[in-house]
Amino acid sequence: MLGWDEIGEAWEKQSRSDPPRDYLRVQIDDPLCPINAHCSPTPKDSPLPCF
């Protein structure tokens, strides 16, 4: 949220691979630069890589 306005959403998802992997689906609703990303956890609590 920015102030009291929502600017996007994130959902917890699970891949269909074997074994399934958890990730976050992120969508930022910026009129100038909308962003859609998938963020996956990495070992040792590293920052989430997003693509």
Protein backbone atom coordinates (compact mmCIF):
# COMPACT_ATOMS: atom_id res chain seq x y z
CA MET A 1 0.00 0.00 0.00
CA LEU A 2 1.09 3.52 -0.71
CA GLY A 3 -0.60 5.71 1.86
CA TRP A 4 -4.07 4.18 1.87
CA ASP A 5 -4.13 3.15 -1.79
CA GLU A 6 -3.32 -0.36 -3.02
CA ILE A 7 -0.70 -0.48 -5.76
CA GLY A 8 -0.55 -4.24 -6.31
CA GLU A 9 -1.06 -7.74 -4.97
CA ALA A 10 0.88 -10.93 -4.22
CA TRP A 11 -0.33 -14.53 -4.12
CA GLU A 12 1.29 -17.66 -2.75
CA LYS A 13 1.47 -20.31 -5.48
CA GLN A 14 2.97 -23.75 -5.99
CA SER A 15 4.62 -24.98 -9.18
CA ARG A 16 3.44 -28.08 -11.04
CA SER A 17 6.97 -29.54 -11.13
CA ASP A 18 8.02 -32.66 -9.26
CA PRO A 19 8.63 -31.89 -6.43
CA PRO A 20 6.35 -28.82 -6.26
CA ARG A 21 8.05 -25.54 -5.32
CA ASP A 22 6.49 -22.58 -3.52
CA TYR A 23 6.73 -19.08 -5.02
CA LEU A 24 5.04 -15.68 -4.88
CA ARG A 25 3.16 -14.25 -7.86
CA VAL A 26 3.47 -10.45 -7.67
CA GLN A 27 1.56 -7.84 -9.67
CA ILE A 28 2.20 -4.09 -9.29
CA ASP A 29 -0.42 -1.87 -10.94
CA ASP A 30 1.64 1.19 -11.90
CA PRO A 31 0.15 2.98 -14.94
CA LEU A 32 3.62 3.95 -16.21
CA CYS A 33 5.40 0.65 -15.52
CA PRO A 34 3.19 -2.33 -14.60
CA ILE A 35 5.14 -5.24 -13.09
CA ASN A 36 4.33 -8.95 -13.12
CA ALA A 37 6.86 -11.19 -11.37
CA HIS A 38 7.38 -14.63 -9.85
CA CYS A 39 9.56 -14.65 -6.71
CA SER A 40 11.13 -17.91 -5.50
CA PRO A 41 12.83 -18.58 -2.16
CA THR A 42 16.53 -19.52 -2.22
CA PRO A 43 18.69 -21.48 0.21
CA LYS A 44 20.10 -19.80 3.34
CA ASP A 45 17.43 -17.07 3.47
CA SER A 46 18.91 -15.15 0.53
CA PRO A 47 16.85 -12.37 -1.08
CA LEU A 48 14.02 -13.56 -3.30
CA PRO A 49 15.01 -13.70 -6.97
CA CYS A 50 12.20 -12.36 -9.15
CA PHE A 51 11.71 -12.83 -12.88
